Structures are given as structure tokens and as C-alpha cells.
Amino acid sequence: MKLLGRALRLVFLFCPMAIGVCVAIPVPAFAKTCAPQVVYARGEPATFEWLARLKTHANWRAKVRAMPDLGDPYANWSRAKNSTERCFSGPEGTICQFRGTPCRKD
């Protein structure tokens, strides 16, 4: 194993017998560690969809940060696995619902 910066990168050696030369095959250092549970968040009604999405993202991040076993490293929506975003428009405005498994960079 080789330590590069703050990320741990594993290197596997591939040595074909016919060639007699070993080739190092690195495993990507951008692997994710994900939480065992899915986090669901709902936003407040907003006049514009972009604002409804912004509110819902903030609610999802706040929920993840408040979870004792997760916290801030997991609170990035763009890293969430199996994420879904739904927005609905109605008489009160647009409301969004987000669901995703929080992940952090390793």
C-alpha cells in the first residue's frame, strides 16, 4: 500500500507469467464511504422551483449533520448515492422532496 496525500490508495500488481513483467494497477483514491441508511427531506413551499430545491437541499444537509454517526463529512448532496429529487407544483407553490444515502470522500 502506498499513502498519497490524505487518501489511501491501494495498488494491485498484475504479473502475467508469459510476459514476465509486473504492472501496477491503482485503485481510485476517490472511493466513497456511505451511510447504511437513506435520508429523506422535504422543503417548504416556494414560488420558484430553484428556491424550493435550495430549501430542500438545506433541510437534507441539516438532517445529515444532526445525525450523530454521520455529521458534516456526509452532508454533501452531490456525493449522495441512489439519490432522487422530486418537485411538485401546487396552489401554495413548489415543494421538493429529496431522498439519498449520504456518502463521504475517503
C-alpha atoms as a PDB file:
ATOM      1  CA  MET A   1       0.000   0.000   0.000  1.00  0.00           C
ATOM      2  CA  LYS A   2       1.100   3.496  -0.670  1.00  0.00           C
ATOM      3  CA  LEU A   3      -0.074   6.673   1.058  1.00  0.00           C
ATOM      4  CA  LEU A   4      -0.718   9.577  -1.302  1.00  0.00           C
ATOM      5  CA  GLY A   5      -1.761  12.827   0.349  1.00  0.00           C
ATOM      6  CA  ARG A   6      -4.738  12.269   2.640  1.00  0.00           C
ATOM      7  CA  ALA A   7      -6.303   9.463   0.589  1.00  0.00           C
ATOM      8  CA  LEU A   8      -5.233   5.871   0.895  1.00  0.00           C
ATOM      9  CA  ARG A   9      -4.648   4.248  -2.471  1.00  0.00           C
ATOM     10  CA  LEU A  10      -4.200   0.529  -2.925  1.00  0.00           C
ATOM     11  CA  VAL A  11      -2.045  -0.771  -5.746  1.00  0.00           C
ATOM     12  CA  PHE A  12      -2.503  -4.283  -7.094  1.00  0.00           C
ATOM     13  CA  LEU A  13       0.265  -5.964  -9.048  1.00  0.00           C
ATOM     14  CA  PHE A  14      -0.643  -7.840 -12.206  1.00  0.00           C
ATOM     15  CA  CYS A  15       2.152 -10.190 -13.263  1.00  0.00           C
ATOM     16  CA  PRO A  16       1.372 -12.276 -16.344  1.00  0.00           C
ATOM     17  CA  MET A  17       3.654 -15.323 -16.418  1.00  0.00           C
ATOM     18  CA  ALA A  18       4.110 -15.246 -20.199  1.00  0.00           C
ATOM     19  CA  ILE A  19       5.487 -11.698 -20.251  1.00  0.00           C
ATOM     20  CA  GLY A  20       7.480 -11.733 -17.014  1.00  0.00           C
ATOM     21  CA  VAL A  21       6.736  -8.053 -16.317  1.00  0.00           C
ATOM     22  CA  CYS A  22       4.578  -6.764 -13.463  1.00  0.00           C
ATOM     23  CA  VAL A  23       2.151  -3.912 -13.978  1.00  0.00           C
ATOM     24  CA  ALA A  24       0.799  -1.825 -11.081  1.00  0.00           C
ATOM     25  CA  ILE A  25      -2.948  -1.258 -11.270  1.00  0.00           C
ATOM     26  CA  PRO A  26      -4.046   1.554  -8.931  1.00  0.00           C
ATOM     27  CA  VAL A  27      -7.448   1.588  -7.258  1.00  0.00           C
ATOM     28  CA  PRO A  28      -9.048   5.045  -7.485  1.00  0.00           C
ATOM     29  CA  ALA A  29      -8.496   7.228  -4.404  1.00  0.00           C
ATOM     30  CA  PHE A  30     -11.892   8.868  -4.808  1.00  0.00           C
ATOM     31  CA  ALA A  31     -13.825   5.942  -3.355  1.00  0.00           C
ATOM     32  CA  LYS A  32     -16.787   6.744  -1.127  1.00  0.00           C
ATOM     33  CA  THR A  33     -17.882   5.537   2.273  1.00  0.00           C
ATOM     34  CA  CYS A  34     -21.656   5.631   2.558  1.00  0.00           C
ATOM     35  CA  ALA A  35     -24.072   5.562   5.464  1.00  0.00           C
ATOM     36  CA  PRO A  36     -26.222   2.459   5.987  1.00  0.00           C
ATOM     37  CA  GLN A  37     -29.467   4.455   5.895  1.00  0.00           C
ATOM     38  CA  VAL A  38     -31.289   6.669   3.411  1.00  0.00           C
ATOM     39  CA  VAL A  39     -32.084  10.239   4.482  1.00  0.00           C
ATOM     40  CA  TYR A  40     -35.340  11.871   3.373  1.00  0.00           C
ATOM     41  CA  ALA A  41     -36.008  15.608   3.414  1.00  0.00           C
ATOM     42  CA  ARG A  42     -38.884  17.814   2.358  1.00  0.00           C
ATOM     43  CA  GLY A  43     -38.680  21.531   1.712  1.00  0.00           C
ATOM     44  CA  GLU A  44     -41.072  24.365   2.370  1.00  0.00           C
ATOM     45  CA  PRO A  45     -43.287  25.749  -0.405  1.00  0.00           C
ATOM     46  CA  ALA A  46     -41.577  28.301  -2.637  1.00  0.00           C
ATOM     47  CA  THR A  47     -42.631  30.493  -5.527  1.00  0.00           C
ATOM     48  CA  PHE A  48     -39.818  29.237  -7.780  1.00  0.00           C
ATOM     49  CA  GLU A  49     -38.560  25.675  -8.262  1.00  0.00           C
ATOM     50  CA  TRP A  50     -34.915  26.680  -7.842  1.00  0.00           C
ATOM     51  CA  LEU A  51     -35.763  28.164  -4.448  1.00  0.00           C
ATOM     52  CA  ALA A  52     -37.722  25.061  -3.423  1.00  0.00           C
ATOM     53  CA  ARG A  53     -34.709  22.901  -4.377  1.00  0.00           C
ATOM     54  CA  LEU A  54     -32.369  25.164  -2.418  1.00  0.00           C
ATOM     55  CA  LYS A  55     -34.547  24.899   0.706  1.00  0.00           C
ATOM     56  CA  THR A  56     -34.801  21.122   0.399  1.00  0.00           C
ATOM     57  CA  HIS A  57     -31.044  20.715  -0.081  1.00  0.00           C
ATOM     58  CA  ALA A  58     -30.520  22.769   3.087  1.00  0.00           C
ATOM     59  CA  ASN A  59     -33.002  20.595   5.012  1.00  0.00           C
ATOM     60  CA  TRP A  60     -31.296  17.383   3.812  1.00  0.00           C
ATOM     61  CA  ARG A  61     -27.854  18.691   4.794  1.00  0.00           C
ATOM     62  CA  ALA A  62     -29.145  19.788   8.213  1.00  0.00           C
ATOM     63  CA  LYS A  63     -30.663  16.348   8.843  1.00  0.00           C
ATOM     64  CA  VAL A  64     -27.415  14.586   7.915  1.00  0.00           C
ATOM     65  CA  ARG A  65     -25.299  16.960  10.044  1.00  0.00           C
ATOM     66  CA  ALA A  66     -27.569  16.321  13.039  1.00  0.00           C
ATOM     67  CA  MET A  67     -27.149  12.544  12.834  1.00  0.00           C
ATOM     68  CA  PRO A  68     -24.589  11.507  15.490  1.00  0.00           C
ATOM     69  CA  ASP A  69     -22.861   8.845  13.381  1.00  0.00           C
ATOM     70  CA  LEU A  70     -22.625  10.980  10.210  1.00  0.00           C
ATOM     71  CA  GLY A  71     -22.158  14.731  10.611  1.00  0.00           C
ATOM     72  CA  ASP A  72     -20.600  17.281   8.289  1.00  0.00           C
ATOM     73  CA  PRO A  73     -18.379  14.958   6.161  1.00  0.00           C
ATOM     74  CA  TYR A  74     -21.536  13.221   4.854  1.00  0.00           C
ATOM     75  CA  ALA A  75     -23.620  16.374   4.305  1.00  0.00           C
ATOM     76  CA  ASN A  76     -22.778  16.991   0.639  1.00  0.00           C
ATOM     77  CA  TRP A  77     -25.807  16.234  -1.564  1.00  0.00           C
ATOM     78  CA  SER A  78     -23.680  15.783  -4.697  1.00  0.00           C
ATOM     79  CA  ARG A  79     -21.947  12.788  -3.065  1.00  0.00           C
ATOM     80  CA  ALA A  80     -25.200  11.047  -2.085  1.00  0.00           C
ATOM     81  CA  LYS A  81     -25.761   7.589  -3.547  1.00  0.00           C
ATOM     82  CA  ASN A  82     -29.091   6.464  -5.049  1.00  0.00           C
ATOM     83  CA  SER A  83     -30.435   9.991  -4.781  1.00  0.00           C
ATOM     84  CA  THR A  84     -33.823  11.090  -6.067  1.00  0.00           C
ATOM     85  CA  GLU A  85     -35.224  14.587  -6.365  1.00  0.00           C
ATOM     86  CA  ARG A  86     -38.932  15.269  -6.868  1.00  0.00           C
ATOM     87  CA  CYS A  87     -40.630  18.623  -7.071  1.00  0.00           C
ATOM     88  CA  PHE A  88     -44.372  19.261  -7.203  1.00  0.00           C
ATOM     89  CA  SER A  89     -46.165  22.477  -8.077  1.00  0.00           C
ATOM     90  CA  GLY A  90     -49.451  23.336  -6.433  1.00  0.00           C
ATOM     91  CA  PRO A  91     -51.537  26.284  -5.250  1.00  0.00           C
ATOM     92  CA  GLU A  92     -49.104  27.006  -2.369  1.00  0.00           C
ATOM     93  CA  GLY A  93     -46.059  26.934  -4.662  1.00  0.00           C
ATOM     94  CA  THR A  94     -43.439  24.324  -5.455  1.00  0.00           C
ATOM     95  CA  ILE A  95     -42.424  21.728  -2.876  1.00  0.00           C
ATOM     96  CA  CYS A  96     -39.471  19.370  -3.313  1.00  0.00           C
ATOM     97  CA  GLN A  97     -38.616  16.037  -1.727  1.00  0.00           C
ATOM     98  CA  PHE A  98     -35.103  14.600  -1.706  1.00  0.00           C
ATOM     99  CA  ARG A  99     -34.006  11.105  -0.761  1.00  0.00           C
ATOM    100  CA  GLY A 100     -30.440   9.834  -0.802  1.00  0.00           C
ATOM    101  CA  THR A 101     -27.830   7.792   1.029  1.00  0.00           C
ATOM    102  CA  PRO A 102     -25.205  10.163   2.486  1.00  0.00           C
ATOM    103  CA  CYS A 103     -21.609   9.451   1.451  1.00  0.00           C
ATOM    104  CA  ARG A 104     -18.248  10.993   2.223  1.00  0.00           C
ATOM    105  CA  LYS A 105     -14.971  11.019   0.342  1.00  0.00           C
ATOM    106  CA  ASP A 106     -12.321   8.681   1.663  1.00  0.00           C
END
